[in-house]
Amino acid sequence: MTQPVIDAHHHIWRQADLPWLMGPMVPRIFGPYEPIRRDYPVEEYLADIAGSGVVKSVYVQANWPRERAVDEAAWVQSEADRTGWPHGIVAYADLMAEDVRPALARLAKSPLVRGIRMQLHWHDNPQYRFAKHADLADDPVFRRNFAALADHGFSFDLQVFAPQMAVAARLALDHPGTTFILQHAGMLEDLSETGRAEWHRGMRLLAAEPNVVSKLSGLGTFIHRNDPGHIAFVVRETMALFGADRCLFGSNFPIEKLWTDYAALVAAYRDAVAGFTPEAQAAMLHDTAARVYRL
């Protein structure tokens, strides 16, 4: 029997809501993106996943204008009410605001909101850079606001590069009641021996914190292809550190649609976990996401 899948990281969008999809194309971490500079509705996502065994999904914020973060969650909630998809929402909140609590309270009115993502990744390469500086997670304002996530039981989708993982691990240590979901398995972008070693050291620090889980998603981001060998490597190394009950799958669609189709992507992940026990496969493909995102 084919293992059912929960897609714990995807997007739907209307182009008009996303500044980075309008106007001149600006360099992005995933390369040229002309094919996705358009609406990507639930209906297209459902057509993409047809026959793949996906039974539930989680929407992750797509960087609407910051002042419209509540509108984004409300729109996705309305799409879920209309179509039954997605089944959970990771919204955006500005944790550098003077007081994030009112925004969190408004987001909590959308019943599917499960957590928050504010992207913290910073890199020497400006094209890979998102946050204003590398150690934003150490900022007192950020930390004060971060503590408010627990008031709503929200998780935090953590997005950092390897050099930032020590700071992120301290944040996780200081907030043991909040679940951290590491985006894209730590964003391995330097595939040299030195780069892999640094990534592995950082991943080991994060794995030492029991409230951190790793999302196996977006693995084509820096290589711009669906590479089963690369996926197998990241899955193997990540599961060895975190264990199957702290790993979960995400497609990162429609970004990965730039270089692959959904069937091929899911097949690569199924092949990557084929050597593990059925229980471990079920955890990575379905059970961990169901638990973490309360689906």
C-alpha atoms as a PDB file:
ATOM      1  CA  MET A   1       0.000   0.000   0.000  1.00  0.00           C
ATOM      2  CA  THR A   2       1.335   3.456  -0.932  1.00  0.00           C
ATOM      3  CA  GLN A   3       2.033   5.646   2.074  1.00  0.00           C
ATOM      4  CA  PRO A   4      -0.319   8.661   2.260  1.00  0.00           C
ATOM      5  CA  VAL A   5       1.466  12.005   2.142  1.00  0.00           C
ATOM      6  CA  ILE A   6       0.981  15.344   3.858  1.00  0.00           C
ATOM      7  CA  ASP A   7       2.502  18.222   1.933  1.00  0.00           C
ATOM      8  CA  ALA A   8       3.682  20.441   4.789  1.00  0.00           C
ATOM      9  CA  HIS A   9       4.956  23.317   2.644  1.00  0.00           C
ATOM     10  CA  HIS A  10       3.266  24.785  -0.385  1.00  0.00           C
ATOM     11  CA  HIS A  11       1.823  28.062  -1.581  1.00  0.00           C
ATOM     12  CA  ILE A  12      -1.224  29.300  -3.452  1.00  0.00           C
ATOM     13  CA  TRP A  13      -1.368  32.879  -4.608  1.00  0.00           C
ATOM     14  CA  ARG A  14      -2.852  35.654  -6.645  1.00  0.00           C
ATOM     15  CA  GLN A  15      -0.153  37.535  -8.530  1.00  0.00           C
ATOM     16  CA  ALA A  16      -1.744  40.900  -7.715  1.00  0.00           C
ATOM     17  CA  ASP A  17      -1.077  40.332  -3.989  1.00  0.00           C
ATOM     18  CA  LEU A  18       2.644  39.689  -4.342  1.00  0.00           C
ATOM     19  CA  PRO A  19       4.986  42.580  -5.119  1.00  0.00           C
ATOM     20  CA  TRP A  20       7.834  40.223  -6.030  1.00  0.00           C
ATOM     21  CA  LEU A  21       5.676  38.694  -8.789  1.00  0.00           C
ATOM     22  CA  MET A  22       4.793  42.065 -10.304  1.00  0.00           C
ATOM     23  CA  GLY A  23       6.869  44.660 -12.111  1.00  0.00           C
ATOM     24  CA  PRO A  24      10.486  43.971 -13.133  1.00  0.00           C
ATOM     25  CA  MET A  25      11.808  40.514 -12.290  1.00  0.00           C
ATOM     26  CA  VAL A  26      14.342  40.789  -9.474  1.00  0.00           C
ATOM     27  CA  PRO A  27      16.928  38.071  -8.711  1.00  0.00           C
ATOM     28  CA  ARG A  28      15.565  35.392  -6.398  1.00  0.00           C
ATOM     29  CA  ILE A  29      17.181  32.569  -4.498  1.00  0.00           C
ATOM     30  CA  PHE A  30      15.619  29.984  -6.816  1.00  0.00           C
ATOM     31  CA  GLY A  31      16.718  31.596 -10.095  1.00  0.00           C
ATOM     32  CA  PRO A  32      14.569  32.874 -12.991  1.00  0.00           C
ATOM     33  CA  TYR A  33      10.870  32.504 -12.221  1.00  0.00           C
ATOM     34  CA  GLU A  34       8.970  33.819 -15.239  1.00  0.00           C
ATOM     35  CA  PRO A  35       6.740  30.689 -15.456  1.00  0.00           C
ATOM     36  CA  ILE A  36       5.260  31.320 -12.002  1.00  0.00           C
ATOM     37  CA  ARG A  37       4.664  35.064 -12.344  1.00  0.00           C
ATOM     38  CA  ARG A  38       0.930  34.417 -12.444  1.00  0.00           C
ATOM     39  CA  ASP A  39      -1.912  33.191 -10.283  1.00  0.00           C
ATOM     40  CA  TYR A  40      -1.421  29.773  -8.688  1.00  0.00           C
ATOM     41  CA  PRO A  41      -4.862  28.829  -7.351  1.00  0.00           C
ATOM     42  CA  VAL A  42      -5.954  25.891  -5.233  1.00  0.00           C
ATOM     43  CA  GLU A  43      -7.450  24.252  -8.308  1.00  0.00           C
ATOM     44  CA  GLU A  44      -4.078  24.127 -10.067  1.00  0.00           C
ATOM     45  CA  TYR A  45      -2.378  22.827  -6.939  1.00  0.00           C
ATOM     46  CA  LEU A  46      -4.981  20.038  -6.698  1.00  0.00           C
ATOM     47  CA  ALA A  47      -4.377  19.158 -10.359  1.00  0.00           C
ATOM     48  CA  ASP A  48      -0.627  19.060  -9.680  1.00  0.00           C
ATOM     49  CA  ILE A  49      -0.971  16.646  -6.738  1.00  0.00           C
ATOM     50  CA  ALA A  50      -3.555  14.375  -8.398  1.00  0.00           C
ATOM     51  CA  GLY A  51      -2.544  10.737  -8.093  1.00  0.00           C
ATOM     52  CA  SER A  52       0.423  11.470  -5.815  1.00  0.00           C
ATOM     53  CA  GLY A  53      -1.160  10.225  -2.586  1.00  0.00           C
ATOM     54  CA  VAL A  54      -1.300  13.664  -0.917  1.00  0.00           C
ATOM     55  CA  VAL A  55      -4.197  13.698   1.541  1.00  0.00           C
ATOM     56  CA  LYS A  56      -3.625  17.009   3.366  1.00  0.00           C
ATOM     57  CA  SER A  57      -1.485  20.117   3.026  1.00  0.00           C
ATOM     58  CA  VAL A  58      -0.114  23.154   4.842  1.00  0.00           C
ATOM     59  CA  TYR A  59       0.087  26.586   3.254  1.00  0.00           C
ATOM     60  CA  VAL A  60       3.169  28.640   4.149  1.00  0.00           C
ATOM     61  CA  GLN A  61       3.132  32.435   3.800  1.00  0.00           C
ATOM     62  CA  ALA A  62       4.220  33.810   0.453  1.00  0.00           C
ATOM     63  CA  ASN A  63       5.447  37.295   1.424  1.00  0.00           C
ATOM     64  CA  TRP A  64       2.454  39.511   0.815  1.00  0.00           C
ATOM     65  CA  PRO A  65       3.164  43.119   1.896  1.00  0.00           C
ATOM     66  CA  ARG A  66       3.851  43.042   5.620  1.00  0.00           C
ATOM     67  CA  GLU A  67       0.909  45.239   6.466  1.00  0.00           C
ATOM     68  CA  ARG A  68      -1.389  42.720   4.747  1.00  0.00           C
ATOM     69  CA  ALA A  69      -0.266  39.587   6.589  1.00  0.00           C
ATOM     70  CA  VAL A  70      -3.647  39.200   8.274  1.00  0.00           C
ATOM     71  CA  ASP A  71      -5.359  39.609   4.884  1.00  0.00           C
ATOM     72  CA  GLU A  72      -3.178  36.819   3.494  1.00  0.00           C
ATOM     73  CA  ALA A  73      -4.196  34.391   6.231  1.00  0.00           C
ATOM     74  CA  ALA A  74      -7.854  35.386   5.901  1.00  0.00           C
ATOM     75  CA  TRP A  75      -7.770  34.840   2.123  1.00  0.00           C
ATOM     76  CA  VAL A  76      -6.164  31.415   2.454  1.00  0.00           C
ATOM     77  CA  GLN A  77      -8.722  30.540   5.145  1.00  0.00           C
ATOM     78  CA  SER A  78     -11.500  31.537   2.731  1.00  0.00           C
ATOM     79  CA  GLU A  79     -10.000  29.306   0.033  1.00  0.00           C
ATOM     80  CA  ALA A  80      -9.873  26.421   2.509  1.00  0.00           C
ATOM     81  CA  ASP A  81     -13.497  27.066   3.450  1.00  0.00           C
ATOM     82  CA  ARG A  82     -14.387  27.040  -0.255  1.00  0.00           C
ATOM     83  CA  THR A  83     -12.367  24.023  -1.421  1.00  0.00           C
ATOM     84  CA  GLY A  84     -11.312  22.046   1.672  1.00  0.00           C
ATOM     85  CA  TRP A  85      -7.609  22.799   0.958  1.00  0.00           C
ATOM     86  CA  PRO A  86      -5.227  23.568   2.607  1.00  0.00           C
ATOM     87  CA  HIS A  87      -5.675  22.072   6.085  1.00  0.00           C
ATOM     88  CA  GLY A  88      -3.261  24.309   7.984  1.00  0.00           C
ATOM     89  CA  ILE A  89      -1.791  27.787   7.539  1.00  0.00           C
ATOM     90  CA  VAL A  90       1.609  29.185   8.499  1.00  0.00           C
ATOM     91  CA  ALA A  91       1.140  32.955   8.495  1.00  0.00           C
ATOM     92  CA  TYR A  92       3.514  35.900   8.639  1.00  0.00           C
ATOM     93  CA  ALA A  93       3.938  38.211  11.617  1.00  0.00           C
ATOM     94  CA  ASP A  94       6.560  40.906  12.022  1.00  0.00           C
ATOM     95  CA  LEU A  95       8.477  39.899  15.122  1.00  0.00           C
ATOM     96  CA  MET A  96      10.424  43.141  14.939  1.00  0.00           C
ATOM     97  CA  ALA A  97       7.293  45.230  15.454  1.00  0.00           C
ATOM     98  CA  GLU A  98       6.908  47.285  18.583  1.00  0.00           C
ATOM     99  CA  ASP A  99       4.308  44.813  19.848  1.00  0.00           C
ATOM    100  CA  VAL A 100       3.329  41.784  17.767  1.00  0.00           C
ATOM    101  CA  ARG A 101       0.544  40.645  20.093  1.00  0.00           C
ATOM    102  CA  PRO A 102      -2.331  42.463  18.364  1.00  0.00           C
ATOM    103  CA  ALA A 103      -1.308  40.976  15.004  1.00  0.00           C
ATOM    104  CA  LEU A 104      -1.091  37.484  16.494  1.00  0.00           C
ATOM    105  CA  ALA A 105      -4.554  37.900  18.004  1.00  0.00           C
ATOM    106  CA  ARG A 106      -5.971  38.852  14.610  1.00  0.00           C
ATOM    107  CA  LEU A 107      -4.231  35.912  12.930  1.00  0.00           C
ATOM    108  CA  ALA A 108      -5.649  33.551  15.555  1.00  0.00           C
ATOM    109  CA  LYS A 109      -9.146  34.403  14.308  1.00  0.00           C
ATOM    110  CA  SER A 110      -8.419  32.278  11.225  1.00  0.00           C
ATOM    111  CA  PRO A 111      -8.985  28.772  12.618  1.00  0.00           C
ATOM    112  CA  LEU A 112      -6.445  27.078  10.361  1.00  0.00           C
ATOM    113  CA  VAL A 113      -3.464  29.215  11.433  1.00  0.00           C
ATOM    114  CA  ARG A 114      -1.014  26.907  13.156  1.00  0.00           C
ATOM    115  CA  GLY A 115       2.196  28.891  13.193  1.00  0.00           C
ATOM    116  CA  ILE A 116       4.288  31.829  12.022  1.00  0.00           C
ATOM    117  CA  ARG A 117       7.123  32.189   9.562  1.00  0.00           C
ATOM    118  CA  MET A 118       9.374  35.225   9.541  1.00  0.00           C
ATOM    119  CA  GLN A 119      12.332  34.388   7.342  1.00  0.00           C
ATOM    120  CA  LEU A 120      15.618  34.907   9.171  1.00  0.00           C
ATOM    121  CA  HIS A 121      18.063  33.679   6.544  1.00  0.00           C
ATOM    122  CA  TRP A 122      21.022  35.935   5.774  1.00  0.00           C
ATOM    123  CA  HIS A 123      23.935  35.181   3.483  1.00  0.00           C
ATOM    124  CA  ASP A 124      27.099  36.849   2.198  1.00  0.00           C
ATOM    125  CA  ASN A 125      25.594  36.457  -1.278  1.00  0.00           C
ATOM    126  CA  PRO A 126      23.025  39.285  -1.589  1.00  0.00           C
ATOM    127  CA  GLN A 127      20.855  37.116  -3.845  1.00  0.00           C
ATOM    128  CA  TYR A 128      20.458  34.628  -0.985  1.00  0.00           C
ATOM    129  CA  ARG A 129      19.895  37.312   1.641  1.00  0.00           C
ATOM    130  CA  PHE A 130      16.492  37.980   3.204  1.00  0.00           C
ATOM    131  CA  ALA A 131      16.836  39.205   6.808  1.00  0.00           C
ATOM    132  CA  LYS A 132      18.423  42.555   7.613  1.00  0.00           C
ATOM    133  CA  HIS A 133      21.283  40.923   9.486  1.00  0.00           C
ATOM    134  CA  ALA A 134      22.502  37.438  10.328  1.00  0.00           C
ATOM    135  CA  ASP A 135      21.681  37.340  14.046  1.00  0.00           C
ATOM    136  CA  LEU A 136      18.160  38.738  14.045  1.00  0.00           C
ATOM    137  CA  ALA A 137      17.090  35.890  16.349  1.00  0.00           C
ATOM    138  CA  ASP A 138      19.307  37.387  19.063  1.00  0.00           C
ATOM    139  CA  ASP A 139      17.690  40.833  18.855  1.00  0.00           C
ATOM    140  CA  PRO A 140      15.901  41.749  22.123  1.00  0.00           C
ATOM    141  CA  VAL A 141      12.851  43.072  20.249  1.00  0.00           C
ATOM    142  CA  PHE A 142      12.581  39.865  18.227  1.00  0.00           C
ATOM    143  CA  ARG A 143      12.925  37.721  21.334  1.00  0.00           C
ATOM    144  CA  ARG A 144      10.335  39.712  23.276  1.00  0.00           C
ATOM    145  CA  ASN A 145       7.821  39.314  20.467  1.00  0.00           C
ATOM    146  CA  PHE A 146       8.770  35.688  19.893  1.00  0.00           C
ATOM    147  CA  ALA A 147       7.680  34.799  23.417  1.00  0.00           C
ATOM    148  CA  ALA A 148       4.118  35.807  22.481  1.00  0.00           C
ATOM    149  CA  LEU A 149       3.807  32.883  20.029  1.00  0.00           C
ATOM    150  CA  ALA A 150       3.282  30.554  22.973  1.00  0.00           C
ATOM    151  CA  ASP A 151       0.166  32.494  24.017  1.00  0.00           C
ATOM    152  CA  HIS A 152      -1.578  31.070  20.948  1.00  0.00           C
ATOM    153  CA  GLY A 153       0.226  27.740  20.746  1.00  0.00           C
ATOM    154  CA  PHE A 154       1.786  28.821  17.458  1.00  0.00           C
ATOM    155  CA  SER A 155       4.789  26.983  16.038  1.00  0.00           C
ATOM    156  CA  PHE A 156       7.615  28.801  14.257  1.00  0.00           C
ATOM    157  CA  ASP A 157       8.845  27.924  10.778  1.00  0.00           C
ATOM    158  CA  LEU A 158      12.580  28.603  11.123  1.00  0.00           C
ATOM    159  CA  GLN A 159      14.528  29.549   7.990  1.00  0.00           C
ATOM    160  CA  VAL A 160      18.286  29.949   8.419  1.00  0.00           C
ATOM    161  CA  PHE A 161      21.561  29.037   6.762  1.00  0.00           C
ATOM    162  CA  ALA A 162      24.212  26.893   8.425  1.00  0.00           C
ATOM    163  CA  PRO A 163      26.238  29.796   9.959  1.00  0.00           C
ATOM    164  CA  GLN A 164      23.062  30.992  11.726  1.00  0.00           C
ATOM    165  CA  MET A 165      22.143  27.656  13.278  1.00  0.00           C
ATOM    166  CA  ALA A 166      23.965  28.184  16.570  1.00  0.00           C
ATOM    167  CA  VAL A 167      21.926  31.341  17.247  1.00  0.00           C
ATOM    168  CA  ALA A 168      18.758  29.515  16.196  1.00  0.00           C
ATOM    169  CA  ALA A 169      19.557  26.615  18.518  1.00  0.00           C
ATOM    170  CA  ARG A 170      19.862  29.047  21.432  1.00  0.00           C
ATOM    171  CA  LEU A 171      16.456  30.475  20.557  1.00  0.00           C
ATOM    172  CA  ALA A 172      14.973  26.979  20.579  1.00  0.00           C
ATOM    173  CA  LEU A 173      16.664  26.203  23.891  1.00  0.00           C
ATOM    174  CA  ASP A 174      15.191  29.341  25.443  1.00  0.00           C
ATOM    175  CA  HIS A 175      11.658  28.541  24.202  1.00  0.00           C
ATOM    176  CA  PRO A 176      11.173  24.818  24.881  1.00  0.00           C
ATOM    177  CA  GLY A 177       7.395  25.117  24.702  1.00  0.00           C
ATOM    178  CA  THR A 178       7.425  26.318  21.081  1.00  0.00           C
ATOM    179  CA  THR A 179       7.876  23.887  18.187  1.00  0.00           C
ATOM    180  CA  PHE A 180      10.409  24.994  15.571  1.00  0.00           C
ATOM    181  CA  ILE A 181      10.058  23.622  12.033  1.00  0.00           C
ATOM    182  CA  LEU A 182      13.382  24.028  10.215  1.00  0.00           C
ATOM    183  CA  GLN A 183      12.699  25.069   6.620  1.00  0.00           C
ATOM    184  CA  HIS A 184      14.217  23.202   3.711  1.00  0.00           C
ATOM    185  CA  ALA A 185      16.341  20.978   5.985  1.00  0.00           C
ATOM    186  CA  GLY A 186      18.632  23.871   6.821  1.00  0.00           C
ATOM    187  CA  MET A 187      19.071  25.211   3.279  1.00  0.00           C
ATOM    188  CA  LEU A 188      22.234  23.377   2.244  1.00  0.00           C
ATOM    189  CA  GLU A 189      23.569  25.726  -0.436  1.00  0.00           C
ATOM    190  CA  ASP A 190      27.313  25.003  -0.377  1.00  0.00           C
ATOM    191  CA  LEU A 191      27.780  21.460  -1.676  1.00  0.00           C
ATOM    192  CA  SER A 192      31.543  21.460  -1.212  1.00  0.00           C
ATOM    193  CA  GLU A 193      33.052  19.213   1.454  1.00  0.00           C
ATOM    194  CA  THR A 194      33.556  22.257   3.681  1.00  0.00           C
ATOM    195  CA  GLY A 195      30.006  23.485   3.126  1.00  0.00           C
ATOM    196  CA  ARG A 196      28.464  20.107   3.869  1.00  0.00           C
ATOM    197  CA  ALA A 197      30.527  19.834   7.057  1.00  0.00           C
ATOM    198  CA  GLU A 198      29.376  23.253   8.277  1.00  0.00           C
ATOM    199  CA  TRP A 199      25.755  22.380   7.513  1.00  0.00           C
ATOM    200  CA  HIS A 200      26.102  19.081   9.366  1.00  0.00           C
ATOM    201  CA  ARG A 201      27.580  20.799  12.444  1.00  0.00           C
ATOM    202  CA  GLY A 202      24.749  23.293  12.531  1.00  0.00           C
ATOM    203  CA  MET A 203      22.111  20.619  11.983  1.00  0.00           C
ATOM    204  CA  ARG A 204      23.561  18.649  14.885  1.00  0.00           C
ATOM    205  CA  LEU A 205      23.155  21.704  17.153  1.00  0.00           C
ATOM    206  CA  LEU A 206      19.519  22.098  16.128  1.00  0.00           C
ATOM    207  CA  ALA A 207      18.795  18.392  16.432  1.00  0.00           C
ATOM    208  CA  ALA A 208      20.020  18.524  20.040  1.00  0.00           C
ATOM    209  CA  GLU A 209      16.971  20.658  20.859  1.00  0.00           C
ATOM    210  CA  PRO A 210      13.945  18.320  21.116  1.00  0.00           C
ATOM    211  CA  ASN A 211      11.487  21.040  20.064  1.00  0.00           C
ATOM    212  CA  VAL A 212      13.095  21.378  16.605  1.00  0.00           C
ATOM    213  CA  VAL A 213      11.871  19.297  13.671  1.00  0.00           C
ATOM    214  CA  SER A 214      13.192  19.419  10.116  1.00  0.00           C
ATOM    215  CA  LYS A 215      11.125  19.991   7.003  1.00  0.00           C
ATOM    216  CA  LEU A 216      12.466  18.084   4.011  1.00  0.00           C
ATOM    217  CA  SER A 217      11.452  20.610   1.388  1.00  0.00           C
ATOM    218  CA  GLY A 218      12.851  23.002  -1.182  1.00  0.00           C
ATOM    219  CA  LEU A 219      15.864  20.813  -1.929  1.00  0.00           C
ATOM    220  CA  GLY A 220      16.000  22.036  -5.509  1.00  0.00           C
ATOM    221  CA  THR A 221      16.281  25.672  -4.428  1.00  0.00           C
ATOM    222  CA  PHE A 222      20.002  26.090  -5.044  1.00  0.00           C
ATOM    223  CA  ILE A 223      20.573  23.483  -7.755  1.00  0.00           C
ATOM    224  CA  HIS A 224      17.448  24.306  -9.783  1.00  0.00           C
ATOM    225  CA  ARG A 225      16.525  20.712 -10.512  1.00  0.00           C
ATOM    226  CA  ASN A 226      14.876  17.675  -8.984  1.00  0.00           C
ATOM    227  CA  ASP A 227      17.929  15.577  -8.087  1.00  0.00           C
ATOM    228  CA  PRO A 228      17.019  12.230  -6.469  1.00  0.00           C
ATOM    229  CA  GLY A 229      20.610  11.679  -5.341  1.00  0.00           C
ATOM    230  CA  HIS A 230      20.752  15.051  -3.602  1.00  0.00           C
ATOM    231  CA  ILE A 231      17.368  14.459  -1.983  1.00  0.00           C
ATOM    232  CA  ALA A 232      18.477  11.030  -0.779  1.00  0.00           C
ATOM    233  CA  PHE A 233      21.625  12.514   0.765  1.00  0.00           C
ATOM    234  CA  VAL A 234      19.763  15.255   2.651  1.00  0.00           C
ATOM    235  CA  VAL A 235      17.030  12.862   3.787  1.00  0.00           C
ATOM    236  CA  ARG A 236      19.566  10.307   5.005  1.00  0.00           C
ATOM    237  CA  GLU A 237      21.694  12.814   6.909  1.00  0.00           C
ATOM    238  CA  THR A 238      18.735  14.676   8.379  1.00  0.00           C
ATOM    239  CA  MET A 239      16.913  11.573   9.535  1.00  0.00           C
ATOM    240  CA  ALA A 240      20.103  10.272  11.146  1.00  0.00           C
ATOM    241  CA  LEU A 241      20.254  13.444  13.252  1.00  0.00           C
ATOM    242  CA  PHE A 242      16.588  14.135  13.963  1.00  0.00           C
ATOM    243  CA  GLY A 243      14.920  10.740  13.691  1.00  0.00           C
ATOM    244  CA  ALA A 244      11.878   9.974  11.581  1.00  0.00           C
ATOM    245  CA  ASP A 245       9.438  11.415  14.111  1.00  0.00           C
ATOM    246  CA  ARG A 246      11.114  14.823  13.710  1.00  0.00           C
ATOM    247  CA  CYS A 247      11.200  14.920   9.908  1.00  0.00           C
ATOM    248  CA  LEU A 248       8.398  15.908   7.533  1.00  0.00           C
ATOM    249  CA  PHE A 249       7.935  16.360   3.795  1.00  0.00           C
ATOM    250  CA  GLY A 250       7.056  19.562   1.960  1.00  0.00           C
ATOM    251  CA  SER A 251       6.863  20.145  -1.780  1.00  0.00           C
ATOM    252  CA  ASN A 252       7.596  23.891  -1.925  1.00  0.00           C
ATOM    253  CA  PHE A 253       5.205  24.081  -4.889  1.00  0.00           C
ATOM    254  CA  PRO A 254       4.878  25.998  -7.118  1.00  0.00           C
ATOM    255  CA  ILE A 255       8.549  27.030  -6.704  1.00  0.00           C
ATOM    256  CA  GLU A 256       9.777  23.505  -7.487  1.00  0.00           C
ATOM    257  CA  LYS A 257       7.410  23.522 -10.452  1.00  0.00           C
ATOM    258  CA  LEU A 258      10.046  25.660 -12.158  1.00  0.00           C
ATOM    259  CA  TRP A 259      12.090  22.491 -12.788  1.00  0.00           C
ATOM    260  CA  THR A 260       9.953  19.434 -12.064  1.00  0.00           C
ATOM    261  CA  ASP A 261       6.426  18.091 -11.784  1.00  0.00           C
ATOM    262  CA  TYR A 262       4.791  16.926  -8.585  1.00  0.00           C
ATOM    263  CA  ALA A 263       4.773  13.221  -9.445  1.00  0.00           C
ATOM    264  CA  ALA A 264       8.528  13.191 -10.072  1.00  0.00           C
ATOM    265  CA  LEU A 265       9.212  15.136  -6.880  1.00  0.00           C
ATOM    266  CA  VAL A 266       7.159  12.814  -4.673  1.00  0.00           C
ATOM    267  CA  ALA A 267       8.719   9.796  -6.377  1.00  0.00           C
ATOM    268  CA  ALA A 268      12.196  11.087  -5.484  1.00  0.00           C
ATOM    269  CA  TYR A 269      11.203  11.388  -1.822  1.00  0.00           C
ATOM    270  CA  ARG A 270       9.532   7.993  -1.769  1.00  0.00           C
ATOM    271  CA  ASP A 271      12.705   6.476  -3.216  1.00  0.00           C
ATOM    272  CA  ALA A 272      14.804   8.350  -0.640  1.00  0.00           C
ATOM    273  CA  VAL A 273      12.903   6.805   2.290  1.00  0.00           C
ATOM    274  CA  ALA A 274      12.361   3.371   0.752  1.00  0.00           C
ATOM    275  CA  GLY A 275      15.154   1.812   2.804  1.00  0.00           C
ATOM    276  CA  PHE A 276      13.624   2.842   6.121  1.00  0.00           C
ATOM    277  CA  THR A 277      10.998   0.906   8.054  1.00  0.00           C
ATOM    278  CA  PRO A 278       7.340   1.384   7.109  1.00  0.00           C
ATOM    279  CA  GLU A 279       6.871   3.230  10.394  1.00  0.00           C
ATOM    280  CA  ALA A 280       9.691   5.650   9.590  1.00  0.00           C
ATOM    281  CA  GLN A 281       8.332   6.219   6.092  1.00  0.00           C
ATOM    282  CA  ALA A 282       4.885   6.957   7.510  1.00  0.00           C
ATOM    283  CA  ALA A 283       6.386   9.417   9.987  1.00  0.00           C
ATOM    284  CA  MET A 284       8.338  11.397   7.414  1.00  0.00           C
ATOM    285  CA  LEU A 285       5.629  11.423   4.754  1.00  0.00           C
ATOM    286  CA  HIS A 286       2.563  11.892   6.963  1.00  0.00           C
ATOM    287  CA  ASP A 287       2.553  11.398  10.724  1.00  0.00           C
ATOM    288  CA  THR A 288       5.084  14.026  11.838  1.00  0.00           C
ATOM    289  CA  ALA A 289       3.347  16.748   9.856  1.00  0.00           C
ATOM    290  CA  ALA A 290      -0.045  15.687  11.177  1.00  0.00           C
ATOM    291  CA  ARG A 291       1.237  15.973  14.748  1.00  0.00           C
ATOM    292  CA  VAL A 292       3.301  19.140  14.389  1.00  0.00           C
ATOM    293  CA  TYR A 293       0.682  21.130  12.481  1.00  0.00           C
ATOM    294  CA  ARG A 294      -2.289  19.578  14.331  1.00  0.00           C
ATOM    295  CA  LEU A 295      -4.002  18.425  11.150  1.00  0.00           C
END
